[in-house]
């Protein structure tokens, strides 16, 4: 028995040593290194870990906004990162859509308890449980409608939020019955934007512009690459590839300052008219992240220090490494701000 225990102990030790080979030591290093004194030093340090470029916006209450950048705006042309660059904010755009839904619900132009079938009866039989999936469940990612990017065919040409993307979701089985679980799904928001189009009678991007962008004077937020000078868009890269992905149409573009101004107004309530914030608080969150090919972003408000921090970086992969590294860099920036 003693001999068996000794052998098992040795095997356990050897297995433990062997497992160390799979520890992401660069992430550990990034986490445990002493904090630099300034946000700019931390942003500079991020470039040393393989990010091509990074932009950070900090809005501390009572102080003018601060901007930080490092690395490349355009790697090929050797243009340094620009704090005023346009960036593809990806899923951060869901905050804008959720606000639009709350405003329309407050104005009684739609009901959160209406179903997908109420707005698109043609989807009955194509999307399972369409008669039971409410707008509220779609906003909250509790509809069970599958995420179109989980269809392997999506990666053949990566369609934007369009009919082709919806067809990819329709091809997939439902994830669960409505309100039985949670699963983040871009398809929910594709359908919500189409519902806004139908309710207001024109494009949802115009409605968002009228109700959010213009009131907040967000003059550097755009719905499409067609509206901007492509040279002002930060290049986007995928690890191991030379291609610059900035010319791909992938939703809202904005500067870090515009996203920061929006997030401050979202969290302090100044974005909302009477009754709207109560509706919004019941359906969605007050912070978000974004990830598409070439672009990842973090937008959060930190109540304990009354500070909004936006972080953009333009180097991605989808195995989680770069995302985890970006979150580590972000958390270290927050620690620096708290120390101040």
Protein backbone atom coordinates (compact mmCIF):
# COMPACT_ATOMS: atom_id res chain seq x y z
CA UNK A 1 0.00 0.00 0.00
CA UNK A 2 2.81 2.41 0.92
CA UNK A 3 4.59 1.61 -2.33
CA UNK A 4 1.40 2.28 -4.30
CA UNK A 5 0.89 5.63 -2.55
CA UNK A 6 4.51 6.59 -3.25
CA UNK A 7 4.12 5.76 -6.95
CA UNK A 8 0.86 7.71 -7.18
CA UNK A 9 2.48 10.70 -5.44
CA UNK A 10 5.39 10.63 -7.91
CA UNK A 11 2.99 10.40 -10.85
CA UNK A 12 0.98 13.34 -9.50
CA UNK A 13 4.11 15.46 -9.14
CA UNK A 14 5.26 14.57 -12.64
CA UNK A 15 1.82 15.38 -14.05
CA UNK A 16 1.83 18.71 -12.23
CA UNK A 17 5.25 19.58 -13.61
CA UNK A 18 4.16 18.54 -17.09
CA UNK A 19 1.05 20.72 -16.91
CA UNK A 20 3.24 23.78 -16.39
CA UNK A 21 4.16 23.56 -20.06
CA UNK A 22 0.57 24.55 -20.91
CA UNK A 23 0.39 27.56 -18.58
CA UNK A 24 0.15 30.80 -20.63
CA UNK A 25 3.20 32.32 -18.97
CA UNK A 26 3.04 35.55 -20.97
CA UNK A 27 -0.41 36.20 -19.50
CA UNK A 28 0.88 35.40 -16.02
CA UNK A 29 3.80 37.76 -16.55
CA UNK A 30 1.50 40.53 -17.79
CA UNK A 31 -0.67 40.10 -14.71
CA UNK A 32 2.00 39.97 -11.99
CA UNK A 33 4.53 42.55 -13.19
CA UNK A 34 4.70 45.68 -11.01
CA UNK A 35 2.32 48.39 -12.16
CA UNK A 36 3.89 51.31 -14.01
CA UNK A 37 3.24 54.80 -12.67
CA UNK A 38 1.17 56.10 -15.55
CA UNK A 39 -1.50 54.96 -17.98
CA UNK A 40 0.72 55.90 -20.91
CA UNK A 41 3.47 53.59 -19.64
CA UNK A 42 0.93 50.76 -19.40
CA UNK A 43 -0.30 51.40 -22.93
CA UNK A 44 3.31 51.38 -24.16
CA UNK A 45 3.84 48.10 -22.33
CA UNK A 46 0.85 46.55 -24.13
CA UNK A 47 2.64 46.96 -27.45
CA UNK A 48 5.51 44.89 -26.09
CA UNK A 49 3.07 41.98 -25.75
CA UNK A 50 2.23 41.90 -29.44
CA UNK A 51 -0.56 44.41 -29.98
CA UNK A 52 0.00 46.44 -33.13
CA UNK A 53 -1.77 49.49 -31.75
CA UNK A 54 -3.79 50.65 -28.77
CA UNK A 55 -5.92 53.69 -27.95
CA UNK A 56 -7.23 54.46 -24.46
CA UNK A 57 -9.66 57.19 -23.41
CA UNK A 58 -10.09 58.12 -19.75
CA UNK A 59 -12.88 60.38 -18.47
CA UNK A 60 -12.39 61.02 -14.75
CA UNK A 61 -15.18 63.14 -13.30
CA UNK A 62 -14.09 66.73 -12.76
CA UNK A 63 -11.10 66.46 -15.09
CA UNK A 64 -10.69 66.95 -18.83
CA UNK A 65 -10.70 63.65 -20.76
CA UNK A 66 -7.27 62.10 -21.25
CA UNK A 67 -6.09 60.26 -24.36
CA UNK A 68 -3.35 57.66 -24.67
CA UNK A 69 -2.04 55.75 -27.66
CA UNK A 70 0.86 53.55 -28.71
CA UNK A 71 1.87 51.38 -31.64
CA UNK A 72 0.51 51.69 -35.15
CA UNK A 73 -2.55 53.27 -36.69
CA UNK A 74 -1.37 51.68 -39.94
CA UNK A 75 1.42 49.10 -39.67
CA UNK A 76 2.28 49.02 -43.36
CA UNK A 77 2.47 52.79 -43.76
CA UNK A 78 4.19 53.21 -40.37
CA UNK A 79 1.58 55.72 -39.19
CA UNK A 80 1.58 55.98 -35.36
CA UNK A 81 -1.59 55.21 -33.42
CA UNK A 82 -3.95 58.18 -33.27
CA UNK A 83 -6.19 58.88 -30.26
CA UNK A 84 -8.79 60.37 -32.63
CA UNK A 85 -8.88 57.36 -34.95
CA UNK A 86 -12.16 55.80 -36.00
CA UNK A 87 -12.51 52.24 -34.73
CA UNK A 88 -14.94 49.41 -35.41
CA UNK A 89 -16.67 49.12 -32.04
CA UNK A 90 -18.36 45.79 -32.85
CA UNK A 91 -20.74 44.62 -30.11
CA UNK A 92 -20.49 47.85 -28.14
CA UNK A 93 -23.02 48.93 -30.75
CA UNK A 94 -25.61 46.72 -29.02
CA UNK A 95 -25.82 49.36 -26.28
CA UNK A 96 -27.04 51.90 -28.85
CA UNK A 97 -29.63 49.46 -30.21
CA UNK A 98 -30.88 48.61 -26.71
CA UNK A 99 -31.24 52.33 -25.92
CA UNK A 100 -33.24 52.79 -29.13
CA UNK A 101 -35.55 49.91 -28.14
CA UNK A 102 -36.06 51.45 -24.68
CA UNK A 103 -36.91 54.84 -26.19
CA UNK A 104 -39.41 53.33 -28.61
CA UNK A 105 -40.98 51.27 -25.81
CA UNK A 106 -41.32 54.39 -23.67
CA UNK A 107 -43.02 56.17 -26.58
CA UNK A 108 -45.43 53.20 -26.95
CA UNK A 109 -44.25 52.69 -30.52
CA UNK A 110 -43.41 49.10 -29.69
CA UNK A 111 -43.97 46.72 -26.82
CA UNK A 112 -41.28 44.63 -25.20
CA UNK A 113 -43.91 41.92 -24.80
CA UNK A 114 -44.65 41.73 -28.50
CA UNK A 115 -43.21 38.68 -30.22
CA UNK A 116 -40.97 38.16 -33.18
CA UNK A 117 -43.98 36.72 -34.99
CA UNK A 118 -45.92 39.95 -34.42
CA UNK A 119 -43.38 41.85 -36.48
CA UNK A 120 -42.28 39.16 -38.91
CA UNK A 121 -44.98 36.51 -39.36
CA UNK A 122 -42.98 35.18 -42.31
CA UNK A 123 -40.41 33.87 -39.81
CA UNK A 124 -42.92 31.53 -38.16
CA UNK A 125 -41.76 28.03 -39.00
CA UNK A 126 -38.30 29.31 -39.90
CA UNK A 127 -37.28 30.43 -36.41
CA UNK A 128 -38.60 28.02 -33.81
CA UNK A 129 -40.81 29.54 -31.08
CA UNK A 130 -41.17 32.81 -33.03
CA UNK A 131 -44.65 33.18 -31.49
CA UNK A 132 -43.14 33.02 -27.97
CA UNK A 133 -39.94 35.02 -28.43
CA UNK A 134 -40.55 38.55 -27.15
CA UNK A 135 -38.50 41.64 -27.85
CA UNK A 136 -37.50 41.68 -24.18
CA UNK A 137 -36.00 38.19 -24.49
CA UNK A 138 -34.16 39.18 -27.65
CA UNK A 139 -32.60 42.24 -26.00
CA UNK A 140 -31.55 40.09 -23.04
CA UNK A 141 -30.16 37.22 -25.16
CA UNK A 142 -32.71 34.84 -23.67
CA UNK A 143 -34.53 34.04 -26.90
CA UNK A 144 -32.74 30.83 -27.83
CA UNK A 145 -32.22 32.10 -31.38
CA UNK A 146 -28.81 30.76 -32.45
CA UNK A 147 -25.87 33.06 -33.12
CA UNK A 148 -25.24 33.23 -36.85
CA UNK A 149 -21.48 33.45 -36.36
CA UNK A 150 -21.59 29.94 -34.87
CA UNK A 151 -22.56 28.59 -38.28
CA UNK A 152 -19.30 27.40 -39.90
CA UNK A 153 -20.49 28.86 -43.21
CA UNK A 154 -20.30 32.36 -41.69
CA UNK A 155 -16.50 32.28 -41.80
CA UNK A 156 -16.44 31.77 -45.56
CA UNK A 157 -17.27 35.43 -46.24
CA UNK A 158 -18.32 36.96 -42.87
CA UNK A 159 -21.52 38.74 -43.98
CA UNK A 160 -22.49 41.90 -42.13
CA UNK A 161 -25.83 42.22 -40.32
CA UNK A 162 -27.92 41.36 -43.38
CA UNK A 163 -30.32 38.83 -44.88
CA UNK A 164 -27.49 36.41 -45.58
CA UNK A 165 -26.47 36.43 -41.92
CA UNK A 166 -30.07 35.81 -40.87
CA UNK A 167 -30.31 32.83 -43.23
CA UNK A 168 -27.25 31.33 -41.53
CA UNK A 169 -29.10 31.48 -38.20
CA UNK A 170 -32.27 30.01 -39.69
CA UNK A 171 -30.26 27.00 -40.87
CA UNK A 172 -29.26 26.22 -37.27
CA UNK A 173 -31.30 24.47 -34.54
CA UNK A 174 -32.66 26.60 -31.71
CA UNK A 175 -30.40 26.73 -28.67
CA UNK A 176 -33.18 26.46 -26.07
CA UNK A 177 -36.81 27.36 -25.46
CA UNK A 178 -37.49 31.08 -24.88
CA UNK A 179 -36.53 32.34 -21.41
CA UNK A 180 -35.11 28.97 -20.38
CA UNK A 181 -31.43 29.99 -20.57
CA UNK A 182 -29.00 32.69 -21.70
CA UNK A 183 -26.87 32.64 -24.84
CA UNK A 184 -25.24 35.67 -26.40
CA UNK A 185 -26.47 35.89 -29.97
CA UNK A 186 -25.79 38.50 -32.62
CA UNK A 187 -28.91 37.30 -34.42
CA UNK A 188 -31.06 38.83 -31.68
CA UNK A 189 -29.73 42.28 -32.47
CA UNK A 190 -29.85 41.78 -36.22
CA UNK A 191 -33.59 41.15 -35.80
CA UNK A 192 -34.03 44.04 -33.36
CA UNK A 193 -32.53 46.49 -35.85
CA UNK A 194 -34.97 45.21 -38.48
CA UNK A 195 -37.84 45.70 -36.04
CA UNK A 196 -36.72 49.29 -35.43
CA UNK A 197 -36.67 49.82 -39.21
CA UNK A 198 -40.25 48.57 -39.45
CA UNK A 199 -41.54 50.56 -36.45
CA UNK A 200 -40.05 53.93 -37.38
CA UNK A 201 -40.42 53.50 -41.12
CA UNK A 202 -36.81 54.23 -41.97
CA UNK A 203 -33.34 52.89 -41.21
CA UNK A 204 -32.49 52.22 -37.57
CA UNK A 205 -29.14 53.97 -37.98
CA UNK A 206 -30.94 57.20 -38.78
CA UNK A 207 -33.14 56.77 -35.70
CA UNK A 208 -30.05 56.19 -33.53
CA UNK A 209 -28.50 59.30 -35.04
CA UNK A 210 -31.57 61.39 -34.28
CA UNK A 211 -32.16 60.10 -30.76
CA UNK A 212 -28.61 59.46 -29.51
CA UNK A 213 -25.83 60.85 -31.68
CA UNK A 214 -27.19 64.34 -32.38
CA UNK A 215 -28.38 65.08 -28.80
CA UNK A 216 -24.98 64.01 -27.42
CA UNK A 217 -23.09 65.76 -30.25
CA UNK A 218 -21.38 62.53 -31.21
CA UNK A 219 -20.06 63.85 -34.49
CA UNK A 220 -17.50 61.08 -34.91
CA UNK A 221 -19.80 58.06 -34.83
CA UNK A 222 -20.85 56.48 -38.12
CA UNK A 223 -22.97 53.58 -39.28
CA UNK A 224 -20.86 52.60 -42.28
CA UNK A 225 -17.47 52.84 -43.93
CA UNK A 226 -19.26 54.63 -46.76
CA UNK A 227 -19.62 57.68 -44.50
CA UNK A 228 -15.97 58.10 -43.55
CA UNK A 229 -12.49 58.73 -44.91
CA UNK A 230 -10.90 55.29 -44.81
CA UNK A 231 -7.55 56.82 -43.82
CA UNK A 232 -9.14 57.86 -40.50
CA UNK A 233 -10.02 54.24 -39.67
CA UNK A 234 -7.48 52.41 -37.53
CA UNK A 235 -6.10 49.36 -39.31
CA UNK A 236 -7.15 45.97 -37.99
CA UNK A 237 -5.00 42.85 -37.92
CA UNK A 238 -5.36 39.16 -37.20
CA UNK A 239 -2.40 37.35 -35.67
CA UNK A 240 -0.27 35.66 -38.29
CA UNK A 241 -1.83 37.47 -41.25
CA UNK A 242 -0.54 40.47 -43.18
CA UNK A 243 -3.99 41.59 -44.35
CA UNK A 244 -5.43 44.87 -43.08
CA UNK A 245 -9.13 44.27 -42.32
CA UNK A 246 -10.19 47.90 -42.07
CA UNK A 247 -11.96 47.90 -45.45
CA UNK A 248 -14.47 45.21 -44.35
CA UNK A 249 -17.92 46.60 -43.53
CA UNK A 250 -18.64 45.52 -39.95
CA UNK A 251 -21.01 47.97 -38.29
CA UNK A 252 -20.59 51.13 -36.24
CA UNK A 253 -17.36 53.12 -36.29
CA UNK A 254 -16.53 55.70 -33.63
CA UNK A 255 -13.70 57.46 -31.89
CA UNK A 256 -12.84 56.49 -28.33
CA UNK A 257 -14.00 59.93 -27.21
CA UNK A 258 -17.43 59.47 -28.78
CA UNK A 259 -17.86 56.05 -27.18
CA UNK A 260 -16.73 57.50 -23.85
CA UNK A 261 -19.19 60.39 -24.07
CA UNK A 262 -22.00 57.97 -24.91
CA UNK A 263 -21.09 55.64 -22.04
CA UNK A 264 -20.96 58.51 -19.53
CA UNK A 265 -24.42 59.70 -20.65
CA UNK A 266 -25.75 56.14 -20.52
CA UNK A 267 -24.56 55.65 -16.96
CA UNK A 268 -25.44 59.06 -15.51
CA UNK A 269 -28.87 58.98 -17.15
CA UNK A 270 -28.48 62.15 -19.20
CA UNK A 271 -29.05 60.13 -22.37
CA UNK A 272 -32.60 59.32 -21.35
CA UNK A 273 -35.89 61.17 -21.36
CA UNK A 274 -38.38 60.67 -18.54
CA UNK A 275 -39.31 57.01 -18.11
CA UNK A 276 -36.72 55.64 -20.51
CA UNK A 277 -33.99 54.73 -18.04
CA UNK A 278 -36.32 52.58 -15.97
CA UNK A 279 -37.16 50.60 -19.08
CA UNK A 280 -33.55 50.34 -20.17
CA UNK A 281 -32.39 49.19 -16.73
CA UNK A 282 -34.92 46.38 -16.87
CA UNK A 283 -33.63 44.99 -20.15
CA UNK A 284 -29.91 45.57 -20.68
CA UNK A 285 -26.46 46.33 -19.29
CA UNK A 286 -24.47 49.55 -18.89
CA UNK A 287 -21.12 48.37 -20.27
CA UNK A 288 -19.96 46.24 -23.16
CA UNK A 289 -17.06 44.74 -25.04
CA UNK A 290 -16.59 44.14 -28.73
CA UNK A 291 -14.65 41.66 -30.86
CA UNK A 292 -14.50 41.22 -34.62
CA UNK A 293 -11.63 40.33 -36.93
CA UNK A 294 -8.95 42.96 -36.35
CA UNK A 295 -10.71 44.92 -33.62
CA UNK A 296 -11.40 44.42 -29.94
CA UNK A 297 -12.76 46.99 -27.54
CA UNK A 298 -13.76 47.48 -23.91
CA UNK A 299 -16.14 50.20 -22.71
CA UNK A 300 -16.90 50.42 -18.99
CA UNK A 301 -17.87 52.93 -16.31
CA UNK A 302 -16.25 52.48 -12.89
CA UNK A 303 -18.58 53.90 -10.26
CA UNK A 304 -16.09 53.75 -7.38
CA UNK A 305 -13.82 56.27 -9.12
CA UNK A 306 -16.53 57.88 -11.27
CA UNK A 307 -14.49 57.16 -14.38
CA UNK A 308 -15.21 55.95 -17.89
CA UNK A 309 -12.40 54.03 -19.58
CA UNK A 310 -12.49 52.99 -23.23
CA UNK A 311 -9.79 50.71 -24.66
CA UNK A 312 -9.32 49.89 -28.34
CA UNK A 313 -6.69 47.53 -29.72
CA UNK A 314 -6.30 46.41 -33.30
CA UNK A 315 -4.74 42.95 -33.08
CA UNK A 316 -6.94 39.90 -32.58
CA UNK A 317 -7.08 36.16 -32.66
CA UNK A 318 -9.99 33.95 -31.69
CA UNK A 319 -8.26 31.49 -29.39
CA UNK A 320 -8.73 33.79 -26.39
CA UNK A 321 -5.10 34.74 -25.91
CA UNK A 322 -5.27 38.31 -27.21
CA UNK A 323 -8.64 38.88 -25.59
CA UNK A 324 -7.36 37.79 -22.17
CA UNK A 325 -4.25 39.90 -22.64
CA UNK A 326 -6.36 42.96 -23.52
CA UNK A 327 -8.46 42.47 -20.40
CA UNK A 328 -5.31 42.21 -18.28
CA UNK A 329 -4.02 45.48 -19.75
CA UNK A 330 -7.39 47.11 -19.10
CA UNK A 331 -7.50 45.92 -15.49
CA UNK A 332 -4.00 47.25 -14.89
CA UNK A 333 -5.03 50.66 -16.25
CA UNK A 334 -7.95 50.70 -13.80
CA UNK A 335 -5.57 49.85 -10.94
CA UNK A 336 -3.30 52.75 -11.92
CA UNK A 337 -6.27 55.12 -11.95
CA UNK A 338 -7.43 53.89 -8.54
CA UNK A 339 -3.95 54.44 -7.11
CA UNK A 340 -4.01 58.01 -8.33
